[in-house]
């Protein structure tokens, strides 16, 4: 299935993985945890490692935002975005990839401040681009 990978310090990229549970676990490095809540498309789902935020060596990859743009959580470690059809995880279509790239294309530094979480983009030279796709 066609997915978009989100990794710390890297620009999001499209790749293919098998739709088996084992392949999804291998892709995120452990037991999977689905994260729902794309305001733009309710059929999208982020699949991350359920232990990513408690592991010492896992880095934050992206801030997760609500419909108003407020940060409500963070994504740590390697994850991917796929679509959901009924109860199955499926590959993405081109429109869904554009939606994901609009929100999650670039990695972020997420900081805890006295007023809450703040996300800052990585400076351009720090981003390790693995995939280039023109959406215009």
N, C-alpha and C. Protein backbone atom coordinates (compact mmCIF):
# COMPACT_ATOMS: atom_id res chain seq x y z
N UNK A 1 0.83 -1.17 0.00
CA UNK A 1 0.00 0.00 0.00
C UNK A 1 0.88 1.24 0.00
N UNK A 2 0.41 2.29 -0.62
CA UNK A 2 1.16 3.54 -0.72
C UNK A 2 0.88 4.39 0.52
N UNK A 3 1.96 4.82 1.20
CA UNK A 3 1.86 5.57 2.45
C UNK A 3 2.80 6.77 2.39
N UNK A 4 2.64 7.68 3.34
CA UNK A 4 3.57 8.80 3.52
C UNK A 4 4.29 8.58 4.84
N UNK A 5 5.61 8.50 4.80
CA UNK A 5 6.40 8.33 6.01
C UNK A 5 6.73 9.68 6.63
N UNK A 6 6.66 9.72 7.96
CA UNK A 6 7.01 10.90 8.76
C UNK A 6 8.10 10.47 9.73
N UNK A 7 9.27 11.10 9.60
CA UNK A 7 10.39 10.75 10.46
C UNK A 7 11.01 12.01 11.03
N UNK A 8 11.59 11.92 12.23
CA UNK A 8 12.26 13.08 12.82
C UNK A 8 13.39 13.58 11.91
N UNK A 9 13.41 14.87 11.69
CA UNK A 9 14.49 15.48 10.92
C UNK A 9 14.45 15.26 9.43
N UNK A 10 13.42 14.60 8.91
CA UNK A 10 13.34 14.32 7.48
C UNK A 10 12.04 14.85 6.89
N UNK A 11 12.15 15.29 5.64
CA UNK A 11 10.96 15.68 4.90
C UNK A 11 10.10 14.43 4.67
N UNK A 12 8.78 14.59 4.73
CA UNK A 12 7.88 13.47 4.49
C UNK A 12 8.11 12.91 3.08
N UNK A 13 7.92 11.60 2.93
CA UNK A 13 8.11 10.99 1.62
C UNK A 13 7.13 9.84 1.43
N UNK A 14 6.83 9.58 0.16
CA UNK A 14 5.90 8.52 -0.21
C UNK A 14 6.68 7.23 -0.45
N UNK A 15 6.13 6.12 0.04
CA UNK A 15 6.76 4.82 -0.18
C UNK A 15 5.67 3.75 -0.16
N UNK A 16 6.02 2.55 -0.52
CA UNK A 16 5.11 1.41 -0.52
C UNK A 16 5.50 0.45 0.59
N UNK A 17 4.49 -0.06 1.32
CA UNK A 17 4.72 -1.13 2.28
C UNK A 17 3.62 -2.16 2.11
N UNK A 18 3.86 -3.34 2.60
CA UNK A 18 2.86 -4.40 2.61
C UNK A 18 1.79 -4.02 3.64
N UNK A 19 0.55 -4.44 3.44
CA UNK A 19 -0.53 -4.09 4.37
C UNK A 19 -0.66 -5.06 5.55
N UNK A 20 0.29 -5.98 5.70
CA UNK A 20 0.21 -6.92 6.82
C UNK A 20 0.60 -6.24 8.12
N UNK A 21 0.10 -6.77 9.23
CA UNK A 21 0.43 -6.24 10.55
C UNK A 21 1.95 -6.28 10.78
N UNK A 22 2.59 -7.36 10.37
CA UNK A 22 4.03 -7.50 10.56
C UNK A 22 4.80 -6.41 9.81
N UNK A 23 4.38 -6.10 8.60
CA UNK A 23 5.05 -5.06 7.80
C UNK A 23 4.85 -3.69 8.42
N UNK A 24 3.65 -3.43 8.94
CA UNK A 24 3.39 -2.15 9.58
C UNK A 24 4.21 -2.01 10.86
N UNK A 25 4.32 -3.09 11.64
CA UNK A 25 5.13 -3.05 12.86
C UNK A 25 6.60 -2.84 12.53
N UNK A 26 7.07 -3.49 11.49
CA UNK A 26 8.46 -3.30 11.07
C UNK A 26 8.71 -1.86 10.62
N UNK A 27 7.73 -1.26 9.98
CA UNK A 27 7.87 0.11 9.48
C UNK A 27 8.02 1.13 10.60
N UNK A 28 7.38 0.88 11.75
CA UNK A 28 7.45 1.83 12.87
C UNK A 28 8.34 1.34 14.01
N UNK A 29 8.87 0.14 13.90
CA UNK A 29 9.79 -0.37 14.90
C UNK A 29 9.15 -0.89 16.17
N UNK A 30 7.94 -1.43 16.07
CA UNK A 30 7.29 -1.98 17.27
C UNK A 30 5.79 -2.08 17.08
N UNK A 31 5.09 -2.25 18.20
CA UNK A 31 3.63 -2.35 18.14
C UNK A 31 3.05 -1.05 17.59
N UNK A 32 2.04 -1.19 16.73
CA UNK A 32 1.47 0.00 16.10
C UNK A 32 0.40 0.64 16.98
N UNK A 33 0.28 1.95 16.82
CA UNK A 33 -0.77 2.72 17.47
C UNK A 33 -1.39 3.64 16.42
N UNK A 34 -2.66 3.44 16.07
CA UNK A 34 -3.31 4.34 15.12
C UNK A 34 -3.70 5.66 15.80
N UNK A 35 -3.49 6.75 15.09
CA UNK A 35 -3.85 8.07 15.58
C UNK A 35 -4.79 8.68 14.54
N UNK A 36 -6.02 8.91 14.94
CA UNK A 36 -7.02 9.47 14.04
C UNK A 36 -7.15 10.95 14.31
N UNK A 37 -7.84 11.64 13.43
CA UNK A 37 -8.11 13.04 13.70
C UNK A 37 -7.59 14.01 12.66
N UNK A 38 -7.58 13.62 11.40
CA UNK A 38 -7.25 14.58 10.36
C UNK A 38 -8.51 15.39 10.08
N UNK A 39 -8.53 16.66 10.42
CA UNK A 39 -9.74 17.46 10.16
C UNK A 39 -10.08 17.53 8.67
N UNK A 40 -9.07 17.45 7.81
CA UNK A 40 -9.29 17.58 6.37
C UNK A 40 -9.85 16.31 5.74
N UNK A 41 -9.60 15.16 6.32
CA UNK A 41 -10.03 13.89 5.72
C UNK A 41 -10.13 12.83 6.82
N UNK A 42 -11.34 12.48 7.19
CA UNK A 42 -11.54 11.52 8.29
C UNK A 42 -11.11 10.11 7.94
N UNK A 43 -10.77 9.85 6.68
CA UNK A 43 -10.32 8.53 6.28
C UNK A 43 -8.80 8.37 6.35
N UNK A 44 -8.11 9.36 6.92
CA UNK A 44 -6.66 9.27 7.08
C UNK A 44 -6.31 8.88 8.50
N UNK A 45 -5.20 8.17 8.63
CA UNK A 45 -4.77 7.68 9.94
C UNK A 45 -3.24 7.65 9.99
N UNK A 46 -2.69 8.15 11.09
CA UNK A 46 -1.25 8.05 11.32
C UNK A 46 -1.01 6.77 12.10
N UNK A 47 -0.05 5.97 11.64
CA UNK A 47 0.33 4.75 12.35
C UNK A 47 1.72 5.00 12.94
N UNK A 48 1.79 4.99 14.26
CA UNK A 48 3.06 5.20 14.94
C UNK A 48 3.37 4.04 15.86
N UNK A 49 4.50 4.11 16.50
CA UNK A 49 4.91 3.11 17.49
C UNK A 49 4.30 3.49 18.83
N UNK A 50 3.57 2.57 19.46
CA UNK A 50 2.88 2.91 20.71
C UNK A 50 3.82 3.26 21.85
N UNK A 51 5.09 2.90 21.75
CA UNK A 51 6.07 3.19 22.80
C UNK A 51 6.98 4.37 22.46
N UNK A 52 6.75 5.02 21.32
CA UNK A 52 7.69 6.03 20.83
C UNK A 52 7.92 7.19 21.78
N UNK A 53 6.89 7.63 22.47
CA UNK A 53 7.06 8.80 23.34
C UNK A 53 7.69 8.47 24.68
N UNK A 54 7.79 7.20 25.02
CA UNK A 54 8.39 6.84 26.31
C UNK A 54 9.83 6.34 26.16
N UNK A 55 10.28 6.10 24.96
CA UNK A 55 11.66 5.66 24.71
C UNK A 55 12.59 6.87 24.75
N UNK A 56 13.71 6.74 25.42
CA UNK A 56 14.64 7.85 25.57
C UNK A 56 15.24 8.34 24.26
N UNK A 57 15.54 7.44 23.33
CA UNK A 57 16.24 7.84 22.12
C UNK A 57 15.32 8.20 20.96
N UNK A 58 14.01 8.22 21.16
CA UNK A 58 13.09 8.59 20.09
C UNK A 58 12.91 10.10 20.08
N UNK A 59 12.96 10.67 18.91
CA UNK A 59 12.82 12.12 18.77
C UNK A 59 11.43 12.48 18.25
N UNK A 60 11.00 13.66 18.61
CA UNK A 60 9.72 14.18 18.13
C UNK A 60 9.85 14.50 16.64
N UNK A 61 8.83 14.17 15.89
CA UNK A 61 8.83 14.35 14.46
C UNK A 61 7.93 15.50 14.01
N UNK A 62 6.70 15.52 14.51
CA UNK A 62 5.72 16.51 14.09
C UNK A 62 4.80 16.84 15.25
N UNK A 63 4.23 18.04 15.21
CA UNK A 63 3.17 18.41 16.14
C UNK A 63 1.84 17.99 15.53
N UNK A 64 0.95 17.49 16.37
CA UNK A 64 -0.40 17.14 15.92
C UNK A 64 -1.33 18.28 16.33
N UNK A 65 -2.14 18.75 15.38
CA UNK A 65 -2.98 19.92 15.61
C UNK A 65 -4.46 19.60 15.42
N UNK A 66 -5.28 20.35 16.16
CA UNK A 66 -6.73 20.22 16.00
C UNK A 66 -7.21 21.10 14.85
N UNK A 67 -8.53 21.16 14.65
CA UNK A 67 -9.10 21.93 13.54
C UNK A 67 -8.75 23.41 13.61
N UNK A 68 -8.53 23.93 14.81
CA UNK A 68 -8.19 25.35 14.98
C UNK A 68 -6.69 25.61 14.84
N UNK A 69 -5.91 24.55 14.64
CA UNK A 69 -4.46 24.70 14.51
C UNK A 69 -3.71 24.64 15.81
N UNK A 70 -4.38 24.35 16.91
CA UNK A 70 -3.74 24.25 18.21
C UNK A 70 -3.08 22.88 18.38
N UNK A 71 -1.89 22.86 18.94
CA UNK A 71 -1.17 21.59 19.16
C UNK A 71 -1.82 20.86 20.33
N UNK A 72 -2.20 19.60 20.08
CA UNK A 72 -2.79 18.80 21.15
C UNK A 72 -1.92 17.61 21.53
N UNK A 73 -0.92 17.27 20.71
CA UNK A 73 -0.04 16.15 20.99
C UNK A 73 1.15 16.22 20.05
N UNK A 74 2.10 15.31 20.23
CA UNK A 74 3.26 15.22 19.34
C UNK A 74 3.40 13.81 18.81
N UNK A 75 4.04 13.71 17.67
CA UNK A 75 4.33 12.43 17.05
C UNK A 75 5.82 12.19 17.22
N UNK A 76 6.19 11.06 17.79
CA UNK A 76 7.59 10.74 18.02
C UNK A 76 7.99 9.51 17.21
N UNK A 77 9.26 9.45 16.87
CA UNK A 77 9.77 8.30 16.14
C UNK A 77 9.27 8.25 14.70
N UNK A 78 9.48 7.11 14.07
CA UNK A 78 9.07 6.91 12.68
C UNK A 78 7.61 6.50 12.65
N UNK A 79 6.85 7.11 11.76
CA UNK A 79 5.43 6.80 11.59
C UNK A 79 5.09 6.90 10.11
N UNK A 80 3.90 6.44 9.77
CA UNK A 80 3.42 6.63 8.41
C UNK A 80 1.94 6.96 8.43
N UNK A 81 1.49 7.58 7.34
CA UNK A 81 0.08 7.91 7.19
C UNK A 81 -0.50 7.04 6.10
N UNK A 82 -1.64 6.43 6.40
CA UNK A 82 -2.36 5.61 5.43
C UNK A 82 -3.82 6.02 5.47
N UNK A 83 -4.63 5.35 4.67
CA UNK A 83 -6.07 5.59 4.68
C UNK A 83 -6.75 4.45 5.42
N UNK A 84 -8.00 4.68 5.78
CA UNK A 84 -8.80 3.66 6.48
C UNK A 84 -10.08 3.46 5.68
N UNK A 85 -10.39 2.19 5.43
CA UNK A 85 -11.62 1.82 4.73
C UNK A 85 -12.34 0.82 5.61
N UNK A 86 -13.45 1.23 6.20
CA UNK A 86 -14.14 0.42 7.20
C UNK A 86 -13.17 0.15 8.35
N UNK A 87 -12.69 -1.06 8.50
CA UNK A 87 -11.75 -1.38 9.58
C UNK A 87 -10.38 -1.78 9.06
N UNK A 88 -10.10 -1.53 7.79
CA UNK A 88 -8.83 -1.92 7.19
C UNK A 88 -7.97 -0.71 6.88
N UNK A 89 -6.66 -0.85 7.05
CA UNK A 89 -5.73 0.18 6.62
C UNK A 89 -5.43 -0.06 5.15
N UNK A 90 -5.53 1.00 4.35
CA UNK A 90 -5.32 0.89 2.91
C UNK A 90 -4.39 1.99 2.43
N UNK A 91 -3.97 1.88 1.18
CA UNK A 91 -3.07 2.85 0.58
C UNK A 91 -3.74 4.18 0.29
N UNK A 92 -2.92 5.17 0.02
CA UNK A 92 -3.38 6.54 -0.21
C UNK A 92 -3.58 6.84 -1.68
N UNK A 93 -4.53 7.72 -1.96
CA UNK A 93 -4.67 8.23 -3.32
C UNK A 93 -3.92 9.56 -3.43
N UNK A 94 -3.82 10.11 -4.62
CA UNK A 94 -3.05 11.34 -4.85
C UNK A 94 -3.58 12.53 -4.04
N UNK A 95 -4.91 12.67 -3.95
CA UNK A 95 -5.49 13.78 -3.19
C UNK A 95 -5.13 13.68 -1.71
N UNK A 96 -5.16 12.47 -1.17
CA UNK A 96 -4.81 12.28 0.23
C UNK A 96 -3.34 12.60 0.47
N UNK A 97 -2.48 12.24 -0.46
CA UNK A 97 -1.06 12.56 -0.32
C UNK A 97 -0.87 14.07 -0.30
N UNK A 98 -1.58 14.79 -1.13
CA UNK A 98 -1.48 16.26 -1.13
C UNK A 98 -1.94 16.83 0.21
N UNK A 99 -3.01 16.30 0.77
CA UNK A 99 -3.51 16.76 2.07
C UNK A 99 -2.46 16.55 3.15
N UNK A 100 -1.84 15.39 3.16
CA UNK A 100 -0.83 15.07 4.17
C UNK A 100 0.39 15.97 4.01
N UNK A 101 0.86 16.13 2.78
CA UNK A 101 2.04 16.94 2.54
C UNK A 101 1.80 18.41 2.92
N UNK A 102 0.58 18.88 2.76
CA UNK A 102 0.27 20.27 3.14
C UNK A 102 0.45 20.48 4.64
N UNK A 103 0.17 19.47 5.43
CA UNK A 103 0.25 19.60 6.89
C UNK A 103 1.55 19.07 7.49
N UNK A 104 2.11 18.03 6.92
CA UNK A 104 3.20 17.30 7.58
C UNK A 104 4.46 17.13 6.75
N UNK A 105 4.59 17.87 5.67
CA UNK A 105 5.74 17.68 4.79
C UNK A 105 7.08 17.90 5.51
N UNK A 106 7.17 18.93 6.34
CA UNK A 106 8.45 19.28 6.96
C UNK A 106 8.49 18.90 8.44
N UNK A 107 9.64 18.41 8.90
CA UNK A 107 9.78 18.05 10.32
C UNK A 107 9.77 19.31 11.18
N UNK A 108 9.50 19.11 12.46
CA UNK A 108 9.43 20.23 13.37
C UNK A 108 10.18 19.91 14.67
N UNK A 109 10.68 20.96 15.30
CA UNK A 109 11.14 20.89 16.68
C UNK A 109 9.93 21.28 17.52
N UNK A 110 9.59 20.50 18.52
CA UNK A 110 8.47 20.84 19.39
C UNK A 110 9.02 21.11 20.78
N UNK A 111 8.69 22.28 21.30
CA UNK A 111 9.21 22.72 22.58
C UNK A 111 8.08 22.95 23.57
N UNK A 112 8.33 22.63 24.83
CA UNK A 112 7.37 22.93 25.90
C UNK A 112 7.73 24.29 26.47
N UNK A 113 6.80 25.22 26.44
CA UNK A 113 7.01 26.54 27.01
C UNK A 113 5.99 26.75 28.14
N UNK A 114 6.10 27.86 28.82
CA UNK A 114 5.16 28.14 29.91
C UNK A 114 3.73 28.33 29.38
N UNK A 115 3.59 28.64 28.11
CA UNK A 115 2.24 28.81 27.54
C UNK A 115 1.80 27.59 26.72
N UNK A 116 2.53 26.49 26.80
CA UNK A 116 2.14 25.27 26.11
C UNK A 116 3.18 24.84 25.08
N UNK A 117 2.78 23.89 24.23
CA UNK A 117 3.67 23.38 23.19
C UNK A 117 3.80 24.37 22.04
N UNK A 118 5.02 24.51 21.53
CA UNK A 118 5.30 25.36 20.39
C UNK A 118 6.08 24.53 19.38
N UNK A 119 5.68 24.60 18.11
CA UNK A 119 6.38 23.87 17.05
C UNK A 119 7.15 24.86 16.18
N UNK A 120 8.42 24.54 15.96
CA UNK A 120 9.27 25.36 15.11
C UNK A 120 9.78 24.51 13.95
N UNK A 121 9.75 25.03 12.74
CA UNK A 121 10.26 24.24 11.61
C UNK A 121 11.77 24.09 11.68
N UNK A 122 12.26 23.00 11.13
CA UNK A 122 13.70 22.81 11.02
C UNK A 122 14.22 23.82 10.01
N UNK A 123 15.42 24.36 10.23
CA UNK A 123 16.02 25.19 9.18
C UNK A 123 16.29 24.32 7.95
N UNK A 124 16.19 24.88 6.78
CA UNK A 124 16.35 24.14 5.53
C UNK A 124 17.57 23.21 5.48
N UNK A 125 18.78 23.65 5.86
CA UNK A 125 19.94 22.77 5.75
C UNK A 125 19.85 21.53 6.65
N UNK A 126 19.03 21.57 7.71
CA UNK A 126 18.91 20.43 8.60
C UNK A 126 18.00 19.33 8.07
N UNK A 127 17.15 19.66 7.09
CA UNK A 127 16.19 18.68 6.59
C UNK A 127 16.88 17.72 5.64
N UNK A 128 16.65 16.44 5.87
CA UNK A 128 17.18 15.39 5.01
C UNK A 128 16.07 14.96 4.07
N UNK A 129 16.01 15.53 2.88
CA UNK A 129 14.94 15.21 1.94
C UNK A 129 15.20 13.86 1.29
N UNK A 130 14.18 12.99 1.33
CA UNK A 130 14.30 11.68 0.70
C UNK A 130 13.42 11.56 -0.52
N UNK A 131 12.44 12.45 -0.64
CA UNK A 131 11.49 12.33 -1.73
C UNK A 131 11.07 13.71 -2.17
N UNK A 132 11.06 13.93 -3.45
CA UNK A 132 10.64 15.21 -3.98
C UNK A 132 9.43 14.99 -4.87
N UNK A 133 8.35 15.67 -4.54
CA UNK A 133 7.11 15.52 -5.31
C UNK A 133 6.53 16.90 -5.53
N UNK A 134 6.20 17.26 -6.76
CA UNK A 134 5.63 18.55 -7.07
C UNK A 134 4.12 18.46 -7.03
N UNK A 135 3.49 19.23 -6.15
CA UNK A 135 2.04 19.17 -5.97
C UNK A 135 1.34 20.37 -6.61
N UNK A 136 2.03 21.17 -7.35
CA UNK A 136 1.41 22.36 -7.94
C UNK A 136 1.07 22.14 -9.38
